[in-house]
Amino acid sequence: MRTIGENVRAFREERGWTQEELSKMAGIGEKYISAIERGRRSPGHKIMTELCNAFNVTEMELRFGHADDNGLDRRHGEALRKIYELLSPLPEVGQWGWHLRILQEQEEKKK
């Protein structure tokens, strides 16, 4: 499984962006992005949110990469969604409801 930094680099390169371009899109310093990609810094909640917004991906995708990259299949995605649905009533989890909607939309596109 890849690290968050490796996933950040993969998503950035997938889009053909430089670290400078990602820096501007996410409002994060270029040196900080470089440190994340090299595994020298671990992004906190705010930075993760900014990166997710810039890449238009869920936090789960940013943390774990594309399902295909990590050998995950549809069953894993469904299991993770069920876990999320059970946890979502908790206030600290409920704020991430939009992640579930994005996951559901992605599943529908695959069908």
C-alpha atoms as a PDB file:
ATOM      1  CA  MET A   1       0.000   0.000   0.000  1.00  0.00           C
ATOM      2  CA  ARG A   2       1.272   3.444  -0.881  1.00  0.00           C
ATOM      3  CA  THR A   3       1.778   6.260   1.607  1.00  0.00           C
ATOM      4  CA  ILE A   4      -0.259   9.474   1.561  1.00  0.00           C
ATOM      5  CA  GLY A   5       2.753  11.255   0.088  1.00  0.00           C
ATOM      6  CA  GLU A   6       3.031   8.706  -2.703  1.00  0.00           C
ATOM      7  CA  ASN A   7      -0.692   9.101  -3.381  1.00  0.00           C
ATOM      8  CA  VAL A   8      -0.379  12.902  -3.472  1.00  0.00           C
ATOM      9  CA  ARG A   9       2.423  12.591  -6.018  1.00  0.00           C
ATOM     10  CA  ALA A  10       0.443  10.027  -8.049  1.00  0.00           C
ATOM     11  CA  PHE A  11      -2.695  12.199  -8.166  1.00  0.00           C
ATOM     12  CA  ARG A  12      -0.608  15.276  -9.029  1.00  0.00           C
ATOM     13  CA  GLU A  13       1.290  13.525 -11.813  1.00  0.00           C
ATOM     14  CA  GLU A  14      -1.905  11.884 -13.081  1.00  0.00           C
ATOM     15  CA  ARG A  15      -3.231  15.378 -13.715  1.00  0.00           C
ATOM     16  CA  GLY A  16       0.047  16.619 -15.208  1.00  0.00           C
ATOM     17  CA  TRP A  17       0.495  19.219 -12.466  1.00  0.00           C
ATOM     18  CA  THR A  18       3.731  20.509 -11.042  1.00  0.00           C
ATOM     19  CA  GLN A  19       4.145  20.943  -7.298  1.00  0.00           C
ATOM     20  CA  GLU A  20       3.895  24.684  -7.908  1.00  0.00           C
ATOM     21  CA  GLU A  21       0.521  24.277  -9.663  1.00  0.00           C
ATOM     22  CA  LEU A  22      -0.824  22.054  -6.878  1.00  0.00           C
ATOM     23  CA  SER A  23       0.465  24.568  -4.365  1.00  0.00           C
ATOM     24  CA  LYS A  24      -1.586  27.341  -5.965  1.00  0.00           C
ATOM     25  CA  MET A  25      -4.707  25.195  -6.361  1.00  0.00           C
ATOM     26  CA  ALA A  26      -4.661  23.904  -2.799  1.00  0.00           C
ATOM     27  CA  GLY A  27      -3.319  27.050  -1.120  1.00  0.00           C
ATOM     28  CA  ILE A  28      -0.442  25.079   0.402  1.00  0.00           C
ATOM     29  CA  GLY A  29       3.246  25.968   0.251  1.00  0.00           C
ATOM     30  CA  GLU A  30       5.243  24.251  -2.475  1.00  0.00           C
ATOM     31  CA  LYS A  31       7.928  23.158   0.009  1.00  0.00           C
ATOM     32  CA  TYR A  32       5.241  21.650   2.242  1.00  0.00           C
ATOM     33  CA  ILE A  33       3.848  19.657  -0.697  1.00  0.00           C
ATOM     34  CA  SER A  34       7.341  18.445  -1.508  1.00  0.00           C
ATOM     35  CA  ALA A  35       7.813  17.363   2.120  1.00  0.00           C
ATOM     36  CA  ILE A  36       4.477  15.488   2.071  1.00  0.00           C
ATOM     37  CA  GLU A  37       5.395  13.688  -1.142  1.00  0.00           C
ATOM     38  CA  ARG A  38       8.782  12.685   0.281  1.00  0.00           C
ATOM     39  CA  GLY A  39       7.188  11.440   3.502  1.00  0.00           C
ATOM     40  CA  ARG A  40       8.853  14.112   5.638  1.00  0.00           C
ATOM     41  CA  ARG A  41       5.568  15.738   6.663  1.00  0.00           C
ATOM     42  CA  SER A  42       2.199  14.258   7.430  1.00  0.00           C
ATOM     43  CA  PRO A  43      -0.749  16.441   6.406  1.00  0.00           C
ATOM     44  CA  GLY A  44      -3.217  17.366   9.109  1.00  0.00           C
ATOM     45  CA  HIS A  45      -6.974  17.631   8.710  1.00  0.00           C
ATOM     46  CA  LYS A  46      -6.978  21.102   7.102  1.00  0.00           C
ATOM     47  CA  ILE A  47      -4.260  20.245   4.584  1.00  0.00           C
ATOM     48  CA  MET A  48      -5.948  16.920   3.737  1.00  0.00           C
ATOM     49  CA  THR A  49      -9.176  18.808   3.037  1.00  0.00           C
ATOM     50  CA  GLU A  50      -7.379  21.306   0.796  1.00  0.00           C
ATOM     51  CA  LEU A  51      -5.650  18.507  -1.115  1.00  0.00           C
ATOM     52  CA  CYS A  52      -8.913  16.556  -1.510  1.00  0.00           C
ATOM     53  CA  ASN A  53     -10.628  19.655  -2.859  1.00  0.00           C
ATOM     54  CA  ALA A  54      -7.787  20.390  -5.281  1.00  0.00           C
ATOM     55  CA  PHE A  55      -7.750  16.815  -6.614  1.00  0.00           C
ATOM     56  CA  ASN A  56     -11.542  16.405  -6.352  1.00  0.00           C
ATOM     57  CA  VAL A  57     -11.087  13.108  -4.512  1.00  0.00           C
ATOM     58  CA  THR A  58     -12.282  11.757  -1.187  1.00  0.00           C
ATOM     59  CA  GLU A  59     -10.059  11.591   1.852  1.00  0.00           C
ATOM     60  CA  MET A  60     -10.242   7.805   1.590  1.00  0.00           C
ATOM     61  CA  GLU A  61      -8.853   7.977  -1.953  1.00  0.00           C
ATOM     62  CA  LEU A  62      -6.095  10.364  -0.901  1.00  0.00           C
ATOM     63  CA  ARG A  63      -5.126   8.145   2.019  1.00  0.00           C
ATOM     64  CA  PHE A  64      -5.353   4.811   0.199  1.00  0.00           C
ATOM     65  CA  GLY A  65      -5.123   5.685  -3.496  1.00  0.00           C
ATOM     66  CA  HIS A  66      -7.272   4.333  -6.276  1.00  0.00           C
ATOM     67  CA  ALA A  67      -8.804   0.968  -5.491  1.00  0.00           C
ATOM     68  CA  ASP A  68      -6.941  -0.632  -8.393  1.00  0.00           C
ATOM     69  CA  ASP A  69      -3.593   0.684  -7.131  1.00  0.00           C
ATOM     70  CA  ASN A  70      -3.934  -1.157  -3.851  1.00  0.00           C
ATOM     71  CA  GLY A  71      -5.510  -4.399  -4.956  1.00  0.00           C
ATOM     72  CA  LEU A  72      -8.859  -3.419  -3.487  1.00  0.00           C
ATOM     73  CA  ASP A  73     -11.977  -4.555  -5.232  1.00  0.00           C
ATOM     74  CA  ARG A  74     -15.625  -3.552  -5.136  1.00  0.00           C
ATOM     75  CA  ARG A  75     -16.249  -5.626  -1.988  1.00  0.00           C
ATOM     76  CA  HIS A  76     -13.769  -3.510  -0.039  1.00  0.00           C
ATOM     77  CA  GLY A  77     -15.436  -0.301  -1.181  1.00  0.00           C
ATOM     78  CA  GLU A  78     -18.834  -1.616  -0.149  1.00  0.00           C
ATOM     79  CA  ALA A  79     -17.509  -2.698   3.251  1.00  0.00           C
ATOM     80  CA  LEU A  80     -15.912   0.713   3.817  1.00  0.00           C
ATOM     81  CA  ARG A  81     -19.172   2.432   2.865  1.00  0.00           C
ATOM     82  CA  LYS A  82     -21.110   0.293   5.344  1.00  0.00           C
ATOM     83  CA  ILE A  83     -18.647   1.157   8.086  1.00  0.00           C
ATOM     84  CA  TYR A  84     -18.966   4.821   7.207  1.00  0.00           C
ATOM     85  CA  GLU A  85     -22.767   4.635   7.271  1.00  0.00           C
ATOM     86  CA  LEU A  86     -22.614   3.152  10.767  1.00  0.00           C
ATOM     87  CA  LEU A  87     -20.222   5.855  11.966  1.00  0.00           C
ATOM     88  CA  SER A  88     -21.756   8.839  10.160  1.00  0.00           C
ATOM     89  CA  PRO A  89     -24.260   9.726  12.920  1.00  0.00           C
ATOM     90  CA  LEU A  90     -21.293  10.641  15.127  1.00  0.00           C
ATOM     91  CA  PRO A  91     -20.722  14.427  14.903  1.00  0.00           C
ATOM     92  CA  GLU A  92     -17.019  14.153  14.060  1.00  0.00           C
ATOM     93  CA  VAL A  93     -17.759  11.700  11.232  1.00  0.00           C
ATOM     94  CA  GLY A  94     -20.986  13.196   9.895  1.00  0.00           C
ATOM     95  CA  GLN A  95     -19.179  16.211   8.489  1.00  0.00           C
ATOM     96  CA  TRP A  96     -17.679  13.901   5.862  1.00  0.00           C
ATOM     97  CA  GLY A  97     -21.037  12.924   4.347  1.00  0.00           C
ATOM     98  CA  TRP A  98     -20.063  14.385   1.005  1.00  0.00           C
ATOM     99  CA  HIS A  99     -17.336  11.718   0.749  1.00  0.00           C
ATOM    100  CA  LEU A 100     -19.969   9.004   0.787  1.00  0.00           C
ATOM    101  CA  ARG A 101     -21.972  10.752  -1.929  1.00  0.00           C
ATOM    102  CA  ILE A 102     -18.860  10.976  -4.118  1.00  0.00           C
ATOM    103  CA  LEU A 103     -18.133   7.282  -3.569  1.00  0.00           C
ATOM    104  CA  GLN A 104     -21.686   6.389  -4.518  1.00  0.00           C
ATOM    105  CA  GLU A 105     -21.458   8.501  -7.677  1.00  0.00           C
ATOM    106  CA  GLN A 106     -18.197   6.817  -8.629  1.00  0.00           C
ATOM    107  CA  GLU A 107     -19.726   3.354  -8.149  1.00  0.00           C
ATOM    108  CA  GLU A 108     -22.662   4.315 -10.359  1.00  0.00           C
ATOM    109  CA  LYS A 109     -20.297   5.499 -13.108  1.00  0.00           C
ATOM    110  CA  LYS A 110     -18.510   2.133 -13.020  1.00  0.00           C
ATOM    111  CA  LYS A 111     -21.764   0.234 -13.665  1.00  0.00           C
END
